[in-house]
Amino acid sequence: MSGFTVRTADQLPTLLQAFRKEAGLTQSEAALRLGITQQTYSALERNAENVGAARLLKLLSILGVEMVLGKPTPASASGKADTNTPSW
């Protein structure tokens, strides 16, 4: 997967699931690495908008994903289409 611009928390569940699958991990394997049960991980993935920053960063590290923060480009700030943003 390439880079994605995340603008809302609603985008996180789909992205986390996709990154987990790309990493070749089941929910159970990701949960084990995160130190939680599979059931807790499933709830985390479904409700990612409620995950604390520390846990999210640890999960991203497990999935081999990094978070890069930056200011929006003029095109994306003005509401024009951003080619790196998935259409959900």
PDB file of N, CA and C in Angstrom:
ATOM      1  N   MET A   1       0.848  -1.175   0.000  1.00  0.00           N
ATOM      2  CA  MET A   1       0.000   0.000   0.000  1.00  0.00           C
ATOM      3  C   MET A   1       0.893   1.238   0.000  1.00  0.00           C
ATOM      4  N   SER A   2       0.442   2.264  -0.639  1.00  0.00           N
ATOM      5  CA  SER A   2       1.192   3.504  -0.637  1.00  0.00           C
ATOM      6  C   SER A   2       0.630   4.432   0.434  1.00  0.00           C
ATOM      7  N   GLY A   3       1.072   5.686   0.425  1.00  0.00           N
ATOM      8  CA  GLY A   3       0.648   6.634   1.439  1.00  0.00           C
ATOM      9  C   GLY A   3      -0.799   7.057   1.283  1.00  0.00           C
ATOM     10  N   PHE A   4      -1.427   7.361   2.397  1.00  0.00           N
ATOM     11  CA  PHE A   4      -2.816   7.799   2.409  1.00  0.00           C
ATOM     12  C   PHE A   4      -2.954   9.017   3.296  1.00  0.00           C
ATOM     13  N   THR A   5      -3.782   9.930   2.897  1.00  0.00           N
ATOM     14  CA  THR A   5      -4.109  11.078   3.721  1.00  0.00           C
ATOM     15  C   THR A   5      -5.344  10.720   4.538  1.00  0.00           C
ATOM     16  N   VAL A   6      -5.188  10.753   5.848  1.00  0.00           N
ATOM     17  CA  VAL A   6      -6.295  10.431   6.747  1.00  0.00           C
ATOM     18  C   VAL A   6      -6.815  11.737   7.312  1.00  0.00           C
ATOM     19  N   ARG A   7      -8.068  12.016   7.032  1.00  0.00           N
ATOM     20  CA  ARG A   7      -8.677  13.269   7.495  1.00  0.00           C
ATOM     21  C   ARG A   7      -9.725  13.051   8.581  1.00  0.00           C
ATOM     22  N   THR A   8     -10.245  11.838   8.693  1.00  0.00           N
ATOM     23  CA  THR A   8     -11.246  11.560   9.721  1.00  0.00           C
ATOM     24  C   THR A   8     -10.944  10.226  10.393  1.00  0.00           C
ATOM     25  N   ALA A   9     -11.374  10.104  11.632  1.00  0.00           N
ATOM     26  CA  ALA A   9     -11.170   8.866  12.380  1.00  0.00           C
ATOM     27  C   ALA A   9     -11.932   7.701  11.766  1.00  0.00           C
ATOM     28  N   ASP A  10     -12.994   7.994  11.021  1.00  0.00           N
ATOM     29  CA  ASP A  10     -13.779   6.937  10.380  1.00  0.00           C
ATOM     30  C   ASP A  10     -12.973   6.151   9.361  1.00  0.00           C
ATOM     31  N   GLN A  11     -11.883   6.708   8.874  1.00  0.00           N
ATOM     32  CA  GLN A  11     -11.047   6.030   7.892  1.00  0.00           C
ATOM     33  C   GLN A  11     -10.136   4.979   8.527  1.00  0.00           C
ATOM     34  N   LEU A  12      -9.878   5.088   9.825  1.00  0.00           N
ATOM     35  CA  LEU A  12      -8.912   4.216  10.480  1.00  0.00           C
ATOM     36  C   LEU A  12      -9.250   2.729  10.454  1.00  0.00           C
ATOM     37  N   PRO A  13     -10.478   2.298  10.758  1.00  0.00           N
ATOM     38  CA  PRO A  13     -10.731   0.851  10.769  1.00  0.00           C
ATOM     39  C   PRO A  13     -10.374   0.163   9.451  1.00  0.00           C
ATOM     40  N   THR A  14     -10.773   0.737   8.347  1.00  0.00           N
ATOM     41  CA  THR A  14     -10.489   0.138   7.039  1.00  0.00           C
ATOM     42  C   THR A  14      -8.986   0.099   6.772  1.00  0.00           C
ATOM     43  N   LEU A  15      -8.298   1.183   7.094  1.00  0.00           N
ATOM     44  CA  LEU A  15      -6.852   1.224   6.873  1.00  0.00           C
ATOM     45  C   LEU A  15      -6.108   0.243   7.764  1.00  0.00           C
ATOM     46  N   LEU A  16      -6.478   0.178   9.033  1.00  0.00           N
ATOM     47  CA  LEU A  16      -5.791  -0.756   9.936  1.00  0.00           C
ATOM     48  C   LEU A  16      -5.985  -2.199   9.494  1.00  0.00           C
ATOM     49  N   GLN A  17      -7.191  -2.540   9.074  1.00  0.00           N
ATOM     50  CA  GLN A  17      -7.441  -3.897   8.591  1.00  0.00           C
ATOM     51  C   GLN A  17      -6.608  -4.174   7.346  1.00  0.00           C
ATOM     52  N   ALA A  18      -6.561  -3.225   6.422  1.00  0.00           N
ATOM     53  CA  ALA A  18      -5.804  -3.416   5.190  1.00  0.00           C
ATOM     54  C   ALA A  18      -4.305  -3.550   5.477  1.00  0.00           C
ATOM     55  N   PHE A  19      -3.778  -2.713   6.357  1.00  0.00           N
ATOM     56  CA  PHE A  19      -2.357  -2.803   6.697  1.00  0.00           C
ATOM     57  C   PHE A  19      -2.045  -4.109   7.417  1.00  0.00           C
ATOM     58  N   ARG A  20      -2.956  -4.579   8.290  1.00  0.00           N
ATOM     59  CA  ARG A  20      -2.739  -5.859   8.980  1.00  0.00           C
ATOM     60  C   ARG A  20      -2.682  -6.999   7.985  1.00  0.00           C
ATOM     61  N   LYS A  21      -3.622  -7.006   7.047  1.00  0.00           N
ATOM     62  CA  LYS A  21      -3.643  -8.073   6.048  1.00  0.00           C
ATOM     63  C   LYS A  21      -2.419  -8.002   5.148  1.00  0.00           C
ATOM     64  N   GLU A  22      -2.001  -6.791   4.793  1.00  0.00           N
ATOM     65  CA  GLU A  22      -0.804  -6.633   3.966  1.00  0.00           C
ATOM     66  C   GLU A  22       0.437  -7.147   4.695  1.00  0.00           C
ATOM     67  N   ALA A  23       0.441  -7.000   6.030  1.00  0.00           N
ATOM     68  CA  ALA A  23       1.556  -7.495   6.836  1.00  0.00           C
ATOM     69  C   ALA A  23       1.497  -9.008   7.017  1.00  0.00           C
ATOM     70  N   GLY A  24       0.410  -9.634   6.547  1.00  0.00           N
ATOM     71  CA  GLY A  24       0.270 -11.083   6.645  1.00  0.00           C
ATOM     72  C   GLY A  24      -0.081 -11.561   8.039  1.00  0.00           C
ATOM     73  N   LEU A  25      -0.735 -10.704   8.823  1.00  0.00           N
ATOM     74  CA  LEU A  25      -1.080 -11.057  10.195  1.00  0.00           C
ATOM     75  C   LEU A  25      -2.577 -11.301  10.339  1.00  0.00           C
ATOM     76  N   THR A  26      -2.918 -12.284  11.140  1.00  0.00           N
ATOM     77  CA  THR A  26      -4.307 -12.472  11.534  1.00  0.00           C
ATOM     78  C   THR A  26      -4.577 -11.534  12.706  1.00  0.00           C
ATOM     79  N   GLN A  27      -5.839 -11.391  13.064  1.00  0.00           N
ATOM     80  CA  GLN A  27      -6.156 -10.591  14.247  1.00  0.00           C
ATOM     81  C   GLN A  27      -5.502 -11.194  15.487  1.00  0.00           C
ATOM     82  N   SER A  28      -5.476 -12.512  15.574  1.00  0.00           N
ATOM     83  CA  SER A  28      -4.870 -13.177  16.735  1.00  0.00           C
ATOM     84  C   SER A  28      -3.384 -12.881  16.834  1.00  0.00           C
ATOM     85  N   GLU A  29      -2.692 -12.909  15.700  1.00  0.00           N
ATOM     86  CA  GLU A  29      -1.245 -12.637  15.696  1.00  0.00           C
ATOM     87  C   GLU A  29      -0.960 -11.182  16.058  1.00  0.00           C
ATOM     88  N   ALA A  30      -1.733 -10.263  15.503  1.00  0.00           N
ATOM     89  CA  ALA A  30      -1.557  -8.845  15.832  1.00  0.00           C
ATOM     90  C   ALA A  30      -1.853  -8.610  17.308  1.00  0.00           C
ATOM     91  N   ALA A  31      -2.912  -9.250  17.808  1.00  0.00           N
ATOM     92  CA  ALA A  31      -3.283  -9.108  19.217  1.00  0.00           C
ATOM     93  C   ALA A  31      -2.170  -9.611  20.130  1.00  0.00           C
ATOM     94  N   LEU A  32      -1.591 -10.755  19.803  1.00  0.00           N
ATOM     95  CA  LEU A  32      -0.513 -11.323  20.604  1.00  0.00           C
ATOM     96  C   LEU A  32       0.662 -10.353  20.681  1.00  0.00           C
ATOM     97  N   ARG A  33       1.039  -9.778  19.557  1.00  0.00           N
ATOM     98  CA  ARG A  33       2.150  -8.821  19.524  1.00  0.00           C
ATOM     99  C   ARG A  33       1.821  -7.540  20.281  1.00  0.00           C
ATOM    100  N   LEU A  34       0.549  -7.190  20.318  1.00  0.00           N
ATOM    101  CA  LEU A  34       0.114  -5.981  21.007  1.00  0.00           C
ATOM    102  C   LEU A  34      -0.125  -6.239  22.499  1.00  0.00           C
ATOM    103  N   GLY A  35      -0.202  -7.520  22.870  1.00  0.00           N
ATOM    104  CA  GLY A  35      -0.396  -7.887  24.278  1.00  0.00           C
ATOM    105  C   GLY A  35      -1.838  -7.842  24.733  1.00  0.00           C
ATOM    106  N   ILE A  36      -2.760  -8.108  23.796  1.00  0.00           N
ATOM    107  CA  ILE A  36      -4.186  -8.105  24.120  1.00  0.00           C
ATOM    108  C   ILE A  36      -4.821  -9.366  23.537  1.00  0.00           C
ATOM    109  N   THR A  37      -6.075  -9.612  23.859  1.00  0.00           N
ATOM    110  CA  THR A  37      -6.765 -10.777  23.313  1.00  0.00           C
ATOM    111  C   THR A  37      -7.237 -10.491  21.887  1.00  0.00           C
ATOM    112  N   GLN A  38      -7.566 -11.546  21.168  1.00  0.00           N
ATOM    113  CA  GLN A  38      -8.078 -11.381  19.805  1.00  0.00           C
ATOM    114  C   GLN A  38      -9.394 -10.616  19.827  1.00  0.00           C
ATOM    115  N   GLN A  39     -10.239 -10.884  20.821  1.00  0.00           N
ATOM    116  CA  GLN A  39     -11.522 -10.193  20.914  1.00  0.00           C
ATOM    117  C   GLN A  39     -11.320  -8.687  21.132  1.00  0.00           C
ATOM    118  N   THR A  40     -10.364  -8.343  21.983  1.00  0.00           N
ATOM    119  CA  THR A  40     -10.062  -6.932  22.227  1.00  0.00           C
ATOM    120  C   THR A  40      -9.491  -6.292  20.974  1.00  0.00           C
ATOM    121  N   TYR A  41      -8.649  -7.042  20.266  1.00  0.00           N
ATOM    122  CA  TYR A  41      -8.085  -6.501  19.025  1.00  0.00           C
ATOM    123  C   TYR A  41      -9.184  -6.272  17.984  1.00  0.00           C
ATOM    124  N   SER A  42     -10.107  -7.207  17.881  1.00  0.00           N
ATOM    125  CA  SER A  42     -11.199  -7.068  16.932  1.00  0.00           C
ATOM    126  C   SER A  42     -11.995  -5.792  17.221  1.00  0.00           C
ATOM    127  N   ALA A  43     -12.287  -5.554  18.491  1.00  0.00           N
ATOM    128  CA  ALA A  43     -13.004  -4.339  18.877  1.00  0.00           C
ATOM    129  C   ALA A  43     -12.167  -3.098  18.581  1.00  0.00           C
ATOM    130  N   LEU A  44     -10.861  -3.185  18.809  1.00  0.00           N
ATOM    131  CA  LEU A  44      -9.969  -2.069  18.520  1.00  0.00           C
ATOM    132  C   LEU A  44      -9.996  -1.729  17.034  1.00  0.00           C
ATOM    133  N   GLU A  45      -9.933  -2.762  16.203  1.00  0.00           N
ATOM    134  CA  GLU A  45      -9.907  -2.539  14.755  1.00  0.00           C
ATOM    135  C   GLU A  45     -11.244  -1.965  14.261  1.00  0.00           C
ATOM    136  N   ARG A  46     -12.341  -2.435  14.817  1.00  0.00           N
ATOM    137  CA  ARG A  46     -13.666  -1.934  14.419  1.00  0.00           C
ATOM    138  C   ARG A  46     -13.914  -0.513  14.902  1.00  0.00           C
ATOM    139  N   ASN A  47     -13.366  -0.173  16.056  1.00  0.00           N
ATOM    140  CA  ASN A  47     -13.611   1.123  16.687  1.00  0.00           C
ATOM    141  C   ASN A  47     -12.303   1.895  16.845  1.00  0.00           C
ATOM    142  N   ALA A  48     -11.498   1.926  15.809  1.00  0.00           N
ATOM    143  CA  ALA A  48     -10.164   2.520  15.878  1.00  0.00           C
ATOM    144  C   ALA A  48     -10.191   3.997  16.247  1.00  0.00           C
ATOM    145  N   GLU A  49     -11.310   4.655  16.001  1.00  0.00           N
ATOM    146  CA  GLU A  49     -11.394   6.076  16.334  1.00  0.00           C
ATOM    147  C   GLU A  49     -11.322   6.316  17.838  1.00  0.00           C
ATOM    148  N   ASN A  50     -11.482   5.263  18.642  1.00  0.00           N
ATOM    149  CA  ASN A  50     -11.438   5.385  20.099  1.00  0.00           C
ATOM    150  C   ASN A  50     -10.116   4.927  20.706  1.00  0.00           C
ATOM    151  N   VAL A  51      -9.144   4.549  19.872  1.00  0.00           N
ATOM    152  CA  VAL A  51      -7.865   4.031  20.355  1.00  0.00           C
ATOM    153  C   VAL A  51      -6.975   5.187  20.799  1.00  0.00           C
ATOM    154  N   GLY A  52      -6.311   5.014  21.926  1.00  0.00           N
ATOM    155  CA  GLY A  52      -5.382   6.027  22.412  1.00  0.00           C
ATOM    156  C   GLY A  52      -4.161   6.125  21.502  1.00  0.00           C
ATOM    157  N   ALA A  53      -3.506   7.252  21.546  1.00  0.00           N
ATOM    158  CA  ALA A  53      -2.358   7.512  20.669  1.00  0.00           C
ATOM    159  C   ALA A  53      -1.227   6.513  20.887  1.00  0.00           C
ATOM    160  N   ALA A  54      -0.902   6.205  22.131  1.00  0.00           N
ATOM    161  CA  ALA A  54       0.207   5.288  22.409  1.00  0.00           C
ATOM    162  C   ALA A  54      -0.077   3.898  21.836  1.00  0.00           C
ATOM    163  N   ARG A  55      -1.291   3.410  22.031  1.00  0.00           N
ATOM    164  CA  ARG A  55      -1.647   2.081  21.509  1.00  0.00           C
ATOM    165  C   ARG A  55      -1.676   2.091  19.980  1.00  0.00           C
ATOM    166  N   LEU A  56      -2.202   3.165  19.388  1.00  0.00           N
ATOM    167  CA  LEU A  56      -2.237   3.269  17.928  1.00  0.00           C
ATOM    168  C   LEU A  56      -0.828   3.267  17.361  1.00  0.00           C
ATOM    169  N   LEU A  57       0.078   4.028  17.957  1.00  0.00           N
ATOM    170  CA  LEU A  57       1.462   4.071  17.471  1.00  0.00           C
ATOM    171  C   LEU A  57       2.145   2.708  17.608  1.00  0.00           C
ATOM    172  N   LYS A  58       1.869   2.002  18.709  1.00  0.00           N
ATOM    173  CA  LYS A  58       2.441   0.663  18.882  1.00  0.00           C
ATOM    174  C   LYS A  58       1.901  -0.285  17.817  1.00  0.00           C
ATOM    175  N   LEU A  59       0.602  -0.213  17.550  1.00  0.00           N
ATOM    176  CA  LEU A  59      -0.006  -1.062  16.523  1.00  0.00           C
ATOM    177  C   LEU A  59       0.578  -0.743  15.152  1.00  0.00           C
ATOM    178  N   LEU A  60       0.707   0.527  14.829  1.00  0.00           N
ATOM    179  CA  LEU A  60       1.287   0.900  13.536  1.00  0.00           C
ATOM    180  C   LEU A  60       2.697   0.341  13.398  1.00  0.00           C
ATOM    181  N   SER A  61       3.467   0.384  14.471  1.00  0.00           N
ATOM    182  CA  SER A  61       4.817  -0.177  14.446  1.00  0.00           C
ATOM    183  C   SER A  61       4.779  -1.686  14.179  1.00  0.00           C
ATOM    184  N   ILE A  62       3.868  -2.382  14.832  1.00  0.00           N
ATOM    185  CA  ILE A  62       3.705  -3.833  14.625  1.00  0.00           C
ATOM    186  C   ILE A  62       3.351  -4.128  13.170  1.00  0.00           C
ATOM    187  N   LEU A  63       2.521  -3.260  12.584  1.00  0.00           N
ATOM    188  CA  LEU A  63       2.084  -3.457  11.201  1.00  0.00           C
ATOM    189  C   LEU A  63       3.116  -2.964  10.183  1.00  0.00           C
ATOM    190  N   GLY A  64       4.211  -2.371  10.660  1.00  0.00           N
ATOM    191  CA  GLY A  64       5.238  -1.873   9.762  1.00  0.00           C
ATOM    192  C   GLY A  64       4.823  -0.599   9.052  1.00  0.00           C
ATOM    193  N   VAL A  65       4.013   0.215   9.738  1.00  0.00           N
ATOM    194  CA  VAL A  65       3.488   1.451   9.164  1.00  0.00           C
ATOM    195  C   VAL A  65       3.975   2.608  10.012  1.00  0.00           C
ATOM    196  N   GLU A  66       4.326   3.705   9.364  1.00  0.00           N
ATOM    197  CA  GLU A  66       4.707   4.886  10.117  1.00  0.00           C
ATOM    198  C   GLU A  66       3.687   5.993   9.905  1.00  0.00           C
ATOM    199  N   MET A  67       3.573   6.863  10.897  1.00  0.00           N
ATOM    200  CA  MET A  67       2.673   8.002  10.795  1.00  0.00           C
ATOM    201  C   MET A  67       3.519   9.228  10.464  1.00  0.00           C
ATOM    202  N   VAL A  68       3.151   9.921   9.406  1.00  0.00           N
ATOM    203  CA  VAL A  68       3.839  11.129   9.002  1.00  0.00           C
ATOM    204  C   VAL A  68       2.840  12.270   9.049  1.00  0.00           C
ATOM    205  N   LEU A  69       3.158  13.298   9.809  1.00  0.00           N
ATOM    206  CA  LEU A  69       2.248  14.430   9.944  1.00  0.00           C
ATOM    207  C   LEU A  69       2.775  15.600   9.128  1.00  0.00           C
ATOM    208  N   GLY A  70       1.880  16.378   8.588  1.00  0.00           N
ATOM    209  CA  GLY A  70       2.268  17.551   7.821  1.00  0.00           C
ATOM    210  C   GLY A  70       1.070  18.435   7.574  1.00  0.00           C
ATOM    211  N   LYS A  71       1.355  19.629   7.138  1.00  0.00           N
ATOM    212  CA  LYS A  71       0.278  20.565   6.801  1.00  0.00           C
ATOM    213  C   LYS A  71      -0.270  20.218   5.434  1.00  0.00           C
ATOM    214  N   PRO A  72      -1.569  20.446   5.214  1.00  0.00           N
ATOM    215  CA  PRO A  72      -2.167  20.140   3.911  1.00  0.00           C
ATOM    216  C   PRO A  72      -1.553  21.008   2.815  1.00  0.00           C
ATOM    217  N   THR A  73      -1.487  20.447   1.631  1.00  0.00           N
ATOM    218  CA  THR A  73      -1.040  21.221   0.479  1.00  0.00           C
ATOM    219  C   THR A  73      -2.156  22.185   0.101  1.00  0.00           C
ATOM    220  N   PRO A  74      -1.841  23.262  -0.620  1.00  0.00           N
ATOM    221  CA  PRO A  74      -2.896  24.210  -1.000  1.00  0.00           C
ATOM    222  C   PRO A  74      -4.060  23.543  -1.734  1.00  0.00           C
ATOM    223  N   ALA A  75      -3.790  22.564  -2.602  1.00  0.00           N
ATOM    224  CA  ALA A  75      -4.863  21.895  -3.348  1.00  0.00           C
ATOM    225  C   ALA A  75      -5.791  21.133  -2.409  1.00  0.00           C
ATOM    226  N   SER A  76      -5.233  20.396  -1.431  1.00  0.00           N
ATOM    227  CA  SER A  76      -6.087  19.617  -0.533  1.00  0.00           C
ATOM    228  C   SER A  76      -6.785  20.520   0.478  1.00  0.00           C
ATOM    229  N   ALA A  77      -6.168  21.626   0.856  1.00  0.00           N
ATOM    230  CA  ALA A  77      -6.802  22.543   1.798  1.00  0.00           C
ATOM    231  C   ALA A  77      -7.977  23.270   1.163  1.00  0.00           C
ATOM    232  N   SER A  78      -7.934  23.458  -0.168  1.00  0.00           N
ATOM    233  CA  SER A  78      -9.018  24.178  -0.835  1.00  0.00           C
ATOM    234  C   SER A  78     -10.175  23.279  -1.227  1.00  0.00           C
ATOM    235  N   GLY A  79     -10.055  21.963  -0.929  1.00  0.00           N
ATOM    236  CA  GLY A  79     -11.138  21.057  -1.227  1.00  0.00           C
ATOM    237  C   GLY A  79     -11.007  20.364  -2.576  1.00  0.00           C
ATOM    238  N   LYS A  80      -9.914  20.650  -3.309  1.00  0.00           N
ATOM    239  CA  LYS A  80      -9.713  19.976  -4.586  1.00  0.00           C
ATOM    240  C   LYS A  80      -9.308  18.527  -4.342  1.00  0.00           C
ATOM    241  N   ALA A  81      -9.468  17.709  -5.336  1.00  0.00           N
ATOM    242  CA  ALA A  81      -9.174  16.280  -5.204  1.00  0.00           C
ATOM    243  C   ALA A  81      -7.716  16.054  -4.859  1.00  0.00           C
ATOM    244  N   ASP A  82      -7.473  15.119  -3.961  1.00  0.00           N
ATOM    245  CA  ASP A  82      -6.136  14.695  -3.571  1.00  0.00           C
ATOM    246  C   ASP A  82      -5.965  13.276  -4.078  1.00  0.00           C
ATOM    247  N   THR A  83      -5.039  13.042  -4.972  1.00  0.00           N
ATOM    248  CA  THR A  83      -4.909  11.727  -5.610  1.00  0.00           C
ATOM    249  C   THR A  83      -4.422  10.655  -4.647  1.00  0.00           C
ATOM    250  N   ASN A  84      -3.898  11.017  -3.466  1.00  0.00           N
ATOM    251  CA  ASN A  84      -3.443  10.027  -2.509  1.00  0.00           C
ATOM    252  C   ASN A  84      -4.523   9.645  -1.499  1.00  0.00           C
ATOM    253  N   THR A  85      -5.676  10.245  -1.610  1.00  0.00           N
ATOM    254  CA  THR A  85      -6.750   9.961  -0.662  1.00  0.00           C
ATOM    255  C   THR A  85      -7.707   8.926  -1.251  1.00  0.00           C
ATOM    256  N   PRO A  86      -7.873   7.794  -0.534  1.00  0.00           N
ATOM    257  CA  PRO A  86      -8.850   6.810  -1.031  1.00  0.00           C
ATOM    258  C   PRO A  86     -10.250   7.379  -0.953  1.00  0.00           C
ATOM    259  N   SER A  87     -11.092   6.981  -1.863  1.00  0.00           N
ATOM    260  CA  SER A  87     -12.478   7.474  -1.864  1.00  0.00           C
ATOM    261  C   SER A  87     -13.360   6.482  -1.134  1.00  0.00           C
ATOM    262  N   TRP A  88     -13.755   6.834   0.094  1.00  0.00           N
ATOM    263  CA  TRP A  88     -14.664   6.007   0.881  1.00  0.00           C
ATOM    264  C   TRP A  88     -15.948   6.704   1.015  1.00  0.00           C
TER     265      TRP A  88
END
